[in-house]
Amino acid sequence: MIDTEKFKRAKEGDLKAIEQICTETWESLYRFVYYKVQNREEAEDITQESYIKTFKYMKENKVPEENFLGFMKMVSLNIIRDRWRKQKRRGVALDIKEINLESITSMDQQNIVAQRLLIKAALEKLNEDQRAVLDLRIIKGYSVAETAKLIGKTEAAVRTSQYRALQTLSKLLETNLLEGI
């Protein structure tokens, strides 16, 4: 809580009293704002703007002395909300003339083809049993029991084979990506 005499002097525009109040409440208010925005520069700007708006408002209106910090936090929240609304309205500026759809589309297609080739090459390195289990379980969506019946193995064997196939596939894909193939 802020000293009553200091509060009255600040309301009258006494710079020394305003500075003392700022010093006493700065860290708490800054931490509150930082928690909301998660950006140091923005938190500093909002905290500073909160003091300016609060002391301007304080000269002409009643501000709760007993919960001054709570009032400051409400001012900060309003500033944060206003900024978010402005950002939301503004959106991201794009120059449509600079966007080359053909190159973007062709790059996407190239990435898709490259990914498919990597997966196909890795799948070919698996043994026939592992490929069959992955085909039935993942690609065709059969249950473990259905897969076991189709390939003539136990459910436990299917689960084990699937696990090992996925582990091997993961290592193969990682190796291929690291090698740049």
N, C-alpha and C. Protein backbone atom coordinates (compact mmCIF):
# COMPACT_ATOMS: atom_id res chain seq x y z
N MET A 1 0.84 -1.19 0.00
CA MET A 1 0.00 0.00 0.00
C MET A 1 0.88 1.25 0.00
N ILE A 2 0.41 2.25 -0.67
CA ILE A 2 1.19 3.48 -0.84
C ILE A 2 0.81 4.48 0.25
N ASP A 3 1.82 5.19 0.72
CA ASP A 3 1.63 6.21 1.74
C ASP A 3 0.62 7.26 1.26
N THR A 4 -0.33 7.61 2.13
CA THR A 4 -1.41 8.54 1.78
C THR A 4 -0.87 9.90 1.36
N GLU A 5 0.09 10.41 2.10
CA GLU A 5 0.66 11.72 1.79
C GLU A 5 1.35 11.71 0.42
N LYS A 6 2.10 10.65 0.16
CA LYS A 6 2.79 10.49 -1.13
C LYS A 6 1.76 10.40 -2.26
N PHE A 7 0.69 9.70 -2.01
CA PHE A 7 -0.37 9.53 -3.01
C PHE A 7 -1.00 10.88 -3.35
N LYS A 8 -1.27 11.70 -2.33
CA LYS A 8 -1.88 13.02 -2.54
C LYS A 8 -0.93 13.92 -3.33
N ARG A 9 0.35 13.88 -2.97
CA ARG A 9 1.34 14.71 -3.69
C ARG A 9 1.44 14.27 -5.15
N ALA A 10 1.41 12.98 -5.40
CA ALA A 10 1.48 12.46 -6.77
C ALA A 10 0.26 12.91 -7.56
N LYS A 11 -0.89 12.91 -6.91
CA LYS A 11 -2.13 13.34 -7.57
C LYS A 11 -2.05 14.80 -7.98
N GLU A 12 -1.34 15.60 -7.19
CA GLU A 12 -1.16 17.02 -7.48
C GLU A 12 -0.06 17.27 -8.50
N GLY A 13 0.69 16.21 -8.88
CA GLY A 13 1.71 16.36 -9.91
C GLY A 13 3.12 16.46 -9.37
N ASP A 14 3.34 16.18 -8.10
CA ASP A 14 4.68 16.22 -7.50
C ASP A 14 5.53 15.11 -8.12
N LEU A 15 6.56 15.50 -8.88
CA LEU A 15 7.38 14.54 -9.59
C LEU A 15 8.14 13.60 -8.65
N LYS A 16 8.58 14.11 -7.51
CA LYS A 16 9.30 13.27 -6.55
C LYS A 16 8.38 12.17 -6.01
N ALA A 17 7.14 12.51 -5.71
CA ALA A 17 6.17 11.52 -5.20
C ALA A 17 5.83 10.50 -6.28
N ILE A 18 5.68 10.97 -7.52
CA ILE A 18 5.39 10.07 -8.64
C ILE A 18 6.55 9.10 -8.83
N GLU A 19 7.76 9.63 -8.76
CA GLU A 19 8.95 8.78 -8.92
C GLU A 19 9.02 7.72 -7.82
N GLN A 20 8.70 8.12 -6.60
CA GLN A 20 8.74 7.16 -5.48
C GLN A 20 7.69 6.07 -5.67
N ILE A 21 6.50 6.45 -6.11
CA ILE A 21 5.44 5.45 -6.34
C ILE A 21 5.86 4.50 -7.46
N CYS A 22 6.44 5.05 -8.51
CA CYS A 22 6.91 4.21 -9.62
C CYS A 22 7.96 3.23 -9.13
N THR A 23 8.89 3.70 -8.34
CA THR A 23 9.95 2.84 -7.82
C THR A 23 9.38 1.72 -6.96
N GLU A 24 8.39 2.04 -6.14
CA GLU A 24 7.80 1.04 -5.25
C GLU A 24 6.96 -0.01 -5.99
N THR A 25 6.35 0.36 -7.11
CA THR A 25 5.42 -0.55 -7.79
C THR A 25 5.94 -1.11 -9.10
N TRP A 26 7.06 -0.59 -9.60
CA TRP A 26 7.55 -0.95 -10.93
C TRP A 26 7.74 -2.45 -11.10
N GLU A 27 8.49 -3.08 -10.21
CA GLU A 27 8.82 -4.50 -10.38
C GLU A 27 7.58 -5.37 -10.41
N SER A 28 6.67 -5.13 -9.51
CA SER A 28 5.44 -5.93 -9.45
C SER A 28 4.60 -5.76 -10.71
N LEU A 29 4.46 -4.52 -11.17
CA LEU A 29 3.66 -4.26 -12.36
C LEU A 29 4.35 -4.84 -13.60
N TYR A 30 5.66 -4.65 -13.69
CA TYR A 30 6.39 -5.17 -14.83
C TYR A 30 6.26 -6.70 -14.92
N ARG A 31 6.41 -7.38 -13.80
CA ARG A 31 6.29 -8.84 -13.78
C ARG A 31 4.90 -9.28 -14.24
N PHE A 32 3.88 -8.57 -13.80
CA PHE A 32 2.51 -8.87 -14.20
C PHE A 32 2.36 -8.73 -15.72
N VAL A 33 2.85 -7.63 -16.26
CA VAL A 33 2.73 -7.37 -17.70
C VAL A 33 3.56 -8.38 -18.48
N TYR A 34 4.78 -8.65 -18.02
CA TYR A 34 5.63 -9.60 -18.72
C TYR A 34 4.99 -10.98 -18.79
N TYR A 35 4.36 -11.39 -17.71
CA TYR A 35 3.67 -12.68 -17.67
C TYR A 35 2.60 -12.75 -18.77
N LYS A 36 1.95 -11.63 -19.02
CA LYS A 36 0.89 -11.60 -20.03
C LYS A 36 1.43 -11.58 -21.46
N VAL A 37 2.50 -10.81 -21.70
CA VAL A 37 2.95 -10.63 -23.09
C VAL A 37 4.16 -11.47 -23.47
N GLN A 38 4.93 -11.94 -22.50
CA GLN A 38 6.10 -12.80 -22.73
C GLN A 38 7.12 -12.18 -23.69
N ASN A 39 7.29 -10.87 -23.59
CA ASN A 39 8.25 -10.16 -24.42
C ASN A 39 8.78 -8.98 -23.62
N ARG A 40 10.09 -8.94 -23.42
CA ARG A 40 10.69 -7.94 -22.54
C ARG A 40 10.43 -6.50 -23.01
N GLU A 41 10.70 -6.23 -24.29
CA GLU A 41 10.53 -4.86 -24.79
C GLU A 41 9.07 -4.42 -24.71
N GLU A 42 8.18 -5.30 -25.10
CA GLU A 42 6.76 -4.96 -25.06
C GLU A 42 6.29 -4.75 -23.63
N ALA A 43 6.78 -5.57 -22.70
CA ALA A 43 6.41 -5.44 -21.29
C ALA A 43 6.88 -4.09 -20.74
N GLU A 44 8.10 -3.69 -21.11
CA GLU A 44 8.61 -2.40 -20.67
C GLU A 44 7.76 -1.26 -21.22
N ASP A 45 7.43 -1.32 -22.51
CA ASP A 45 6.60 -0.28 -23.13
C ASP A 45 5.23 -0.19 -22.47
N ILE A 46 4.61 -1.32 -22.25
CA ILE A 46 3.26 -1.33 -21.66
C ILE A 46 3.31 -0.84 -20.22
N THR A 47 4.33 -1.23 -19.48
CA THR A 47 4.45 -0.78 -18.09
C THR A 47 4.60 0.74 -18.05
N GLN A 48 5.45 1.26 -18.90
CA GLN A 48 5.65 2.71 -18.95
C GLN A 48 4.36 3.42 -19.37
N GLU A 49 3.70 2.91 -20.38
CA GLU A 49 2.45 3.51 -20.83
C GLU A 49 1.38 3.46 -19.74
N SER A 50 1.40 2.40 -18.94
CA SER A 50 0.44 2.27 -17.84
C SER A 50 0.63 3.38 -16.82
N TYR A 51 1.88 3.70 -16.49
CA TYR A 51 2.15 4.78 -15.54
C TYR A 51 1.69 6.12 -16.11
N ILE A 52 1.98 6.35 -17.36
CA ILE A 52 1.59 7.62 -17.97
C ILE A 52 0.08 7.79 -17.95
N LYS A 53 -0.63 6.77 -18.39
CA LYS A 53 -2.09 6.85 -18.42
C LYS A 53 -2.67 6.97 -17.02
N THR A 54 -2.11 6.24 -16.07
CA THR A 54 -2.64 6.25 -14.70
C THR A 54 -2.45 7.63 -14.08
N PHE A 55 -1.27 8.21 -14.20
CA PHE A 55 -1.04 9.51 -13.57
C PHE A 55 -1.81 10.64 -14.27
N LYS A 56 -2.02 10.52 -15.57
CA LYS A 56 -2.88 11.50 -16.27
C LYS A 56 -4.31 11.38 -15.75
N TYR A 57 -4.79 10.15 -15.67
CA TYR A 57 -6.15 9.90 -15.19
C TYR A 57 -6.30 10.35 -13.74
N MET A 58 -5.27 10.14 -12.97
CA MET A 58 -5.29 10.42 -11.54
C MET A 58 -5.47 11.91 -11.24
N LYS A 59 -4.97 12.77 -12.13
CA LYS A 59 -5.09 14.22 -11.92
C LYS A 59 -6.53 14.68 -11.93
N GLU A 60 -7.37 14.04 -12.74
CA GLU A 60 -8.74 14.52 -12.92
C GLU A 60 -9.80 13.60 -12.31
N ASN A 61 -9.44 12.38 -11.97
CA ASN A 61 -10.42 11.40 -11.49
C ASN A 61 -9.94 10.73 -10.21
N LYS A 62 -10.86 10.03 -9.59
CA LYS A 62 -10.53 9.33 -8.35
C LYS A 62 -9.92 7.97 -8.69
N VAL A 63 -8.79 7.70 -8.07
CA VAL A 63 -8.09 6.43 -8.23
C VAL A 63 -8.03 5.78 -6.85
N PRO A 64 -8.33 4.49 -6.76
CA PRO A 64 -8.33 3.83 -5.44
C PRO A 64 -6.92 3.77 -4.83
N GLU A 65 -6.74 4.52 -3.77
CA GLU A 65 -5.44 4.58 -3.09
C GLU A 65 -5.10 3.24 -2.44
N GLU A 66 -6.09 2.59 -1.85
CA GLU A 66 -5.85 1.35 -1.12
C GLU A 66 -5.49 0.18 -2.04
N ASN A 67 -5.88 0.26 -3.30
CA ASN A 67 -5.55 -0.80 -4.24
C ASN A 67 -4.98 -0.19 -5.53
N PHE A 68 -3.99 0.66 -5.34
CA PHE A 68 -3.40 1.37 -6.47
C PHE A 68 -2.76 0.40 -7.46
N LEU A 69 -2.03 -0.59 -6.96
CA LEU A 69 -1.38 -1.55 -7.83
C LEU A 69 -2.41 -2.35 -8.63
N GLY A 70 -3.51 -2.72 -8.01
CA GLY A 70 -4.59 -3.42 -8.72
C GLY A 70 -5.15 -2.56 -9.84
N PHE A 71 -5.31 -1.27 -9.56
CA PHE A 71 -5.79 -0.34 -10.57
C PHE A 71 -4.80 -0.26 -11.73
N MET A 72 -3.50 -0.19 -11.39
CA MET A 72 -2.47 -0.14 -12.43
C MET A 72 -2.49 -1.40 -13.29
N LYS A 73 -2.73 -2.53 -12.67
CA LYS A 73 -2.79 -3.78 -13.43
C LYS A 73 -3.98 -3.78 -14.40
N MET A 74 -5.09 -3.21 -13.96
CA MET A 74 -6.25 -3.11 -14.86
C MET A 74 -5.94 -2.18 -16.04
N VAL A 75 -5.25 -1.09 -15.78
CA VAL A 75 -4.84 -0.18 -16.86
C VAL A 75 -3.94 -0.94 -17.83
N SER A 76 -2.99 -1.71 -17.30
CA SER A 76 -2.09 -2.49 -18.14
C SER A 76 -2.85 -3.50 -18.99
N LEU A 77 -3.79 -4.20 -18.37
CA LEU A 77 -4.60 -5.17 -19.12
C LEU A 77 -5.36 -4.51 -20.26
N ASN A 78 -5.90 -3.33 -20.02
CA ASN A 78 -6.62 -2.61 -21.07
C ASN A 78 -5.68 -2.22 -22.21
N ILE A 79 -4.46 -1.81 -21.87
CA ILE A 79 -3.49 -1.47 -22.90
C ILE A 79 -3.13 -2.71 -23.72
N ILE A 80 -2.91 -3.83 -23.03
CA ILE A 80 -2.59 -5.08 -23.72
C ILE A 80 -3.73 -5.48 -24.66
N ARG A 81 -4.95 -5.41 -24.17
CA ARG A 81 -6.11 -5.77 -25.01
C ARG A 81 -6.22 -4.87 -26.22
N ASP A 82 -5.99 -3.57 -26.02
CA ASP A 82 -6.04 -2.63 -27.14
C ASP A 82 -4.98 -2.98 -28.19
N ARG A 83 -3.79 -3.30 -27.73
CA ARG A 83 -2.73 -3.67 -28.67
C ARG A 83 -3.09 -4.94 -29.44
N TRP A 84 -3.63 -5.93 -28.73
CA TRP A 84 -4.01 -7.18 -29.39
C TRP A 84 -5.11 -6.94 -30.42
N ARG A 85 -6.06 -6.10 -30.08
CA ARG A 85 -7.14 -5.78 -31.04
C ARG A 85 -6.57 -5.11 -32.28
N LYS A 86 -5.67 -4.17 -32.10
CA LYS A 86 -5.06 -3.48 -33.24
C LYS A 86 -4.29 -4.45 -34.12
N GLN A 87 -3.53 -5.36 -33.48
CA GLN A 87 -2.77 -6.35 -34.25
C GLN A 87 -3.70 -7.27 -35.00
N LYS A 88 -4.79 -7.65 -34.36
CA LYS A 88 -5.75 -8.56 -34.99
C LYS A 88 -6.39 -7.89 -36.20
N ARG A 89 -6.73 -6.62 -36.07
CA ARG A 89 -7.34 -5.89 -37.18
C ARG A 89 -6.36 -5.69 -38.32
N ARG A 90 -5.12 -5.38 -37.96
CA ARG A 90 -4.11 -5.12 -38.97
C ARG A 90 -3.74 -6.37 -39.75
N GLY A 91 -3.58 -7.47 -39.05
CA GLY A 91 -3.19 -8.71 -39.71
C GLY A 91 -1.77 -8.61 -40.24
N VAL A 92 -1.46 -9.43 -41.18
CA VAL A 92 -0.14 -9.45 -41.78
C VAL A 92 -0.22 -8.81 -43.16
N ALA A 93 0.66 -7.87 -43.42
CA ALA A 93 0.67 -7.18 -44.70
C ALA A 93 1.37 -8.05 -45.74
N LEU A 94 0.68 -8.31 -46.83
CA LEU A 94 1.24 -9.09 -47.92
C LEU A 94 1.05 -8.35 -49.23
N ASP A 95 2.06 -8.41 -50.06
CA ASP A 95 1.92 -7.84 -51.40
C ASP A 95 1.68 -9.02 -52.35
N ILE A 96 0.44 -9.15 -52.79
CA ILE A 96 0.04 -10.29 -53.61
C ILE A 96 0.82 -10.34 -54.91
N LYS A 97 1.23 -9.20 -55.41
CA LYS A 97 1.98 -9.17 -56.67
C LYS A 97 3.34 -9.85 -56.53
N GLU A 98 3.90 -9.84 -55.30
CA GLU A 98 5.22 -10.43 -55.09
C GLU A 98 5.17 -11.94 -54.89
N ILE A 99 3.99 -12.50 -54.68
CA ILE A 99 3.86 -13.93 -54.44
C ILE A 99 3.83 -14.65 -55.78
N ASN A 100 4.74 -15.60 -55.94
CA ASN A 100 4.82 -16.37 -57.17
C ASN A 100 4.21 -17.75 -56.89
N LEU A 101 2.94 -17.89 -57.22
CA LEU A 101 2.23 -19.13 -56.91
C LEU A 101 2.81 -20.34 -57.61
N GLU A 102 3.28 -20.16 -58.83
CA GLU A 102 3.84 -21.30 -59.56
C GLU A 102 5.05 -21.87 -58.85
N SER A 103 5.95 -21.00 -58.37
CA SER A 103 7.16 -21.49 -57.71
C SER A 103 6.82 -22.14 -56.36
N ILE A 104 5.86 -21.57 -55.64
CA ILE A 104 5.45 -22.14 -54.36
C ILE A 104 4.83 -23.51 -54.58
N THR A 105 3.95 -23.60 -55.55
CA THR A 105 3.28 -24.87 -55.84
C THR A 105 4.28 -25.91 -56.30
N SER A 106 5.19 -25.53 -57.17
CA SER A 106 6.17 -26.50 -57.66
C SER A 106 7.11 -26.94 -56.54
N MET A 107 7.46 -26.03 -55.62
CA MET A 107 8.31 -26.41 -54.48
C MET A 107 7.58 -27.37 -53.56
N ASP A 108 6.28 -27.13 -53.33
CA ASP A 108 5.49 -28.03 -52.50
C ASP A 108 5.44 -29.41 -53.14
N GLN A 109 5.20 -29.46 -54.44
CA GLN A 109 5.15 -30.73 -55.15
C GLN A 109 6.49 -31.44 -55.08
N GLN A 110 7.57 -30.69 -55.23
CA GLN A 110 8.90 -31.28 -55.16
C GLN A 110 9.16 -31.87 -53.78
N ASN A 111 8.74 -31.16 -52.74
CA ASN A 111 8.92 -31.67 -51.38
C ASN A 111 8.11 -32.94 -51.16
N ILE A 112 6.89 -32.97 -51.65
CA ILE A 112 6.04 -34.15 -51.51
C ILE A 112 6.66 -35.34 -52.23
N VAL A 113 7.12 -35.12 -53.45
CA VAL A 113 7.75 -36.20 -54.23
C VAL A 113 9.01 -36.69 -53.52
N ALA A 114 9.82 -35.78 -53.01
CA ALA A 114 11.06 -36.15 -52.32
C ALA A 114 10.75 -36.96 -51.07
N GLN A 115 9.74 -36.54 -50.31
CA GLN A 115 9.35 -37.28 -49.11
C GLN A 115 8.87 -38.69 -49.46
N ARG A 116 8.07 -38.80 -50.49
CA ARG A 116 7.58 -40.11 -50.91
C ARG A 116 8.72 -41.02 -51.34
N LEU A 117 9.68 -40.47 -52.07
CA LEU A 117 10.83 -41.26 -52.51
C LEU A 117 11.67 -41.74 -51.31
N LEU A 118 11.84 -40.86 -50.33
CA LEU A 118 12.58 -41.25 -49.12
C LEU A 118 11.87 -42.39 -48.39
N ILE A 119 10.57 -42.26 -48.24
CA ILE A 119 9.79 -43.29 -47.53
C ILE A 119 9.82 -44.60 -48.32
N LYS A 120 9.65 -44.50 -49.63
CA LYS A 120 9.66 -45.70 -50.47
C LYS A 120 11.01 -46.41 -50.37
N ALA A 121 12.09 -45.66 -50.43
CA ALA A 121 13.43 -46.25 -50.34
C ALA A 121 13.64 -46.91 -48.98
N ALA A 122 13.17 -46.26 -47.92
CA ALA A 122 13.32 -46.83 -46.58
C ALA A 122 12.47 -48.09 -46.43
N LEU A 123 11.25 -48.07 -46.96
CA LEU A 123 10.37 -49.25 -46.88
C LEU A 123 10.97 -50.44 -47.62
N GLU A 124 11.63 -50.19 -48.72
CA GLU A 124 12.24 -51.27 -49.50
C GLU A 124 13.38 -51.94 -48.75
N LYS A 125 13.97 -51.24 -47.79
CA LYS A 125 15.07 -51.82 -47.01
C LYS A 125 14.57 -52.70 -45.86
N LEU A 126 13.26 -52.63 -45.57
CA LEU A 126 12.69 -53.50 -44.54
C LEU A 126 12.54 -54.91 -45.09
N ASN A 127 12.50 -55.90 -44.19
CA ASN A 127 12.27 -57.26 -44.69
C ASN A 127 10.79 -57.41 -45.08
N GLU A 128 10.49 -58.46 -45.80
CA GLU A 128 9.14 -58.67 -46.36
C GLU A 128 8.07 -58.74 -45.27
N ASP A 129 8.37 -59.40 -44.15
CA ASP A 129 7.43 -59.53 -43.04
C ASP A 129 7.08 -58.16 -42.46
N GLN A 130 8.11 -57.33 -42.25
CA GLN A 130 7.88 -55.99 -41.70
C GLN A 130 7.07 -55.12 -42.65
N ARG A 131 7.38 -55.21 -43.94
CA ARG A 131 6.62 -54.44 -44.94
C ARG A 131 5.16 -54.87 -44.94
N ALA A 132 4.91 -56.18 -44.85
CA ALA A 132 3.53 -56.69 -44.86
C ALA A 132 2.76 -56.20 -43.64
N VAL A 133 3.39 -56.25 -42.47
CA VAL A 133 2.73 -55.79 -41.25
C VAL A 133 2.41 -54.30 -41.33
N LEU A 134 3.37 -53.49 -41.77
CA LEU A 134 3.12 -52.04 -41.89
C LEU A 134 2.04 -51.74 -42.92
N ASP A 135 2.05 -52.48 -44.02
CA ASP A 135 1.04 -52.29 -45.05
C ASP A 135 -0.36 -52.56 -44.49
N LEU A 136 -0.52 -53.68 -43.81
CA LEU A 136 -1.84 -54.06 -43.29
C LEU A 136 -2.26 -53.16 -42.12
N ARG A 137 -1.34 -52.91 -41.19
CA ARG A 137 -1.70 -52.16 -39.98
C ARG A 137 -1.84 -50.66 -40.23
N ILE A 138 -0.88 -50.07 -40.90
CA ILE A 138 -0.85 -48.61 -41.02
C ILE A 138 -1.51 -48.12 -42.30
N ILE A 139 -1.17 -48.72 -43.41
CA ILE A 139 -1.70 -48.23 -44.69
C ILE A 139 -3.15 -48.65 -44.88
N LYS A 140 -3.44 -49.92 -44.63
CA LYS A 140 -4.81 -50.42 -44.86
C LYS A 140 -5.69 -50.33 -43.62
N GLY A 141 -5.09 -50.14 -42.45
CA GLY A 141 -5.86 -49.89 -41.24
C GLY A 141 -6.46 -51.11 -40.56
N TYR A 142 -5.92 -52.28 -40.80
CA TYR A 142 -6.43 -53.48 -40.15
C TYR A 142 -6.04 -53.49 -38.67
N SER A 143 -6.85 -54.16 -37.86
CA SER A 143 -6.52 -54.31 -36.44
C SER A 143 -5.40 -55.33 -36.28
N VAL A 144 -4.88 -55.45 -35.07
CA VAL A 144 -3.82 -56.42 -34.80
C VAL A 144 -4.35 -57.84 -35.03
N ALA A 145 -5.56 -58.10 -34.55
CA ALA A 145 -6.16 -59.44 -34.71
C ALA A 145 -6.36 -59.79 -36.18
N GLU A 146 -6.88 -58.85 -36.96
CA GLU A 146 -7.11 -59.09 -38.39
C GLU A 146 -5.78 -59.32 -39.12
N THR A 147 -4.77 -58.53 -38.78
CA THR A 147 -3.46 -58.68 -39.40
C THR A 147 -2.87 -60.05 -39.06
N ALA A 148 -3.01 -60.45 -37.82
CA ALA A 148 -2.47 -61.75 -37.38
C ALA A 148 -3.11 -62.88 -38.18
N LYS A 149 -4.43 -62.83 -38.40
CA LYS A 149 -5.12 -63.86 -39.17
C LYS A 149 -4.64 -63.88 -40.63
N LEU A 150 -4.48 -62.68 -41.20
CA LEU A 150 -4.10 -62.59 -42.61
C LEU A 150 -2.69 -63.11 -42.88
N ILE A 151 -1.76 -62.88 -41.97
CA ILE A 151 -0.38 -63.32 -42.24
C ILE A 151 -0.02 -64.60 -41.48
N GLY A 152 -0.98 -65.13 -40.70
CA GLY A 152 -0.77 -66.41 -40.03
C GLY A 152 0.20 -66.35 -38.86
N LYS A 153 0.16 -65.25 -38.09
CA LYS A 153 1.02 -65.12 -36.92
C LYS A 153 0.16 -64.79 -35.70
N THR A 154 0.77 -64.83 -34.53
CA THR A 154 0.05 -64.45 -33.32
C THR A 154 -0.03 -62.93 -33.24
N GLU A 155 -0.95 -62.43 -32.41
CA GLU A 155 -1.10 -60.99 -32.23
C GLU A 155 0.18 -60.39 -31.64
N ALA A 156 0.78 -61.11 -30.71
CA ALA A 156 2.03 -60.63 -30.09
C ALA A 156 3.13 -60.51 -31.14
N ALA A 157 3.20 -61.47 -32.05
CA ALA A 157 4.21 -61.42 -33.11
C ALA A 157 3.97 -60.24 -34.04
N VAL A 158 2.69 -59.95 -34.31
CA VAL A 158 2.36 -58.81 -35.17
C VAL A 158 2.78 -57.51 -34.48
N ARG A 159 2.46 -57.38 -33.19
CA ARG A 159 2.84 -56.16 -32.45
C ARG A 159 4.36 -55.99 -32.44
N THR A 160 5.06 -57.06 -32.18
CA THR A 160 6.52 -57.02 -32.14
C THR A 160 7.09 -56.64 -33.51
N SER A 161 6.56 -57.27 -34.53
CA SER A 161 7.03 -56.99 -35.89
C SER A 161 6.75 -55.53 -36.26
N GLN A 162 5.58 -55.03 -35.90
CA GLN A 162 5.23 -53.64 -36.20
C GLN A 162 6.18 -52.69 -35.45
N TYR A 163 6.42 -52.97 -34.19
CA TYR A 163 7.30 -52.13 -33.40
C TYR A 163 8.70 -52.08 -34.02
N ARG A 164 9.23 -53.25 -34.32
CA ARG A 164 10.58 -53.32 -34.89
C ARG A 164 10.64 -52.67 -36.27
N ALA A 165 9.59 -52.83 -37.05
CA ALA A 165 9.55 -52.22 -38.39
C ALA A 165 9.55 -50.70 -38.28
N LEU A 166 8.77 -50.17 -37.35
CA LEU A 166 8.72 -48.72 -37.18
C LEU A 166 10.05 -48.18 -36.66
N GLN A 167 10.68 -48.90 -35.76
CA GLN A 167 11.99 -48.49 -35.25
C GLN A 167 13.02 -48.46 -36.39
N THR A 168 13.03 -49.52 -37.18
CA THR A 168 13.97 -49.60 -38.30
C THR A 168 13.68 -48.52 -39.32
N LEU A 169 12.41 -48.32 -39.64
CA LEU A 169 12.01 -47.30 -40.60
C LEU A 169 12.44 -45.91 -40.12
N SER A 170 12.24 -45.66 -38.84
CA SER A 170 12.63 -44.37 -38.27
C SER A 170 14.13 -44.13 -38.43
N LYS A 171 14.93 -45.15 -38.11
CA LYS A 171 16.38 -45.02 -38.24
C LYS A 171 16.80 -44.82 -39.70
N LEU A 172 16.16 -45.56 -40.59
CA LEU A 172 16.48 -45.42 -42.01
C LEU A 172 16.15 -44.02 -42.53
N LEU A 173 14.99 -43.52 -42.16
CA LEU A 173 14.60 -42.17 -42.62
C LEU A 173 15.53 -41.11 -42.04
N GLU A 174 15.89 -41.27 -40.78
CA GLU A 174 16.80 -40.32 -40.15
C GLU A 174 18.15 -40.33 -40.85
N THR A 175 18.64 -41.52 -41.14
CA THR A 175 19.93 -41.66 -41.84
C THR A 175 19.85 -41.03 -43.22
N ASN A 176 18.76 -41.30 -43.95
CA ASN A 176 18.59 -40.73 -45.29
C ASN A 176 18.53 -39.22 -45.25
N LEU A 177 17.85 -38.65 -44.26
CA LEU A 177 17.77 -37.20 -44.15
C LEU A 177 19.12 -36.59 -43.82
N LEU A 178 19.86 -37.26 -42.94
CA LEU A 178 21.18 -36.74 -42.58
C LEU A 178 22.16 -36.81 -43.73
N GLU A 179 22.02 -37.86 -44.55
CA GLU A 179 22.91 -38.01 -45.70
C GLU A 179 22.48 -37.15 -46.87
N GLY A 180 21.24 -36.63 -46.80
CA GLY A 180 20.75 -35.76 -47.87
C GLY A 180 20.28 -36.51 -49.09
N ILE A 181 19.94 -37.77 -48.90
CA ILE A 181 19.48 -38.58 -50.03
C ILE A 181 18.04 -38.27 -50.32
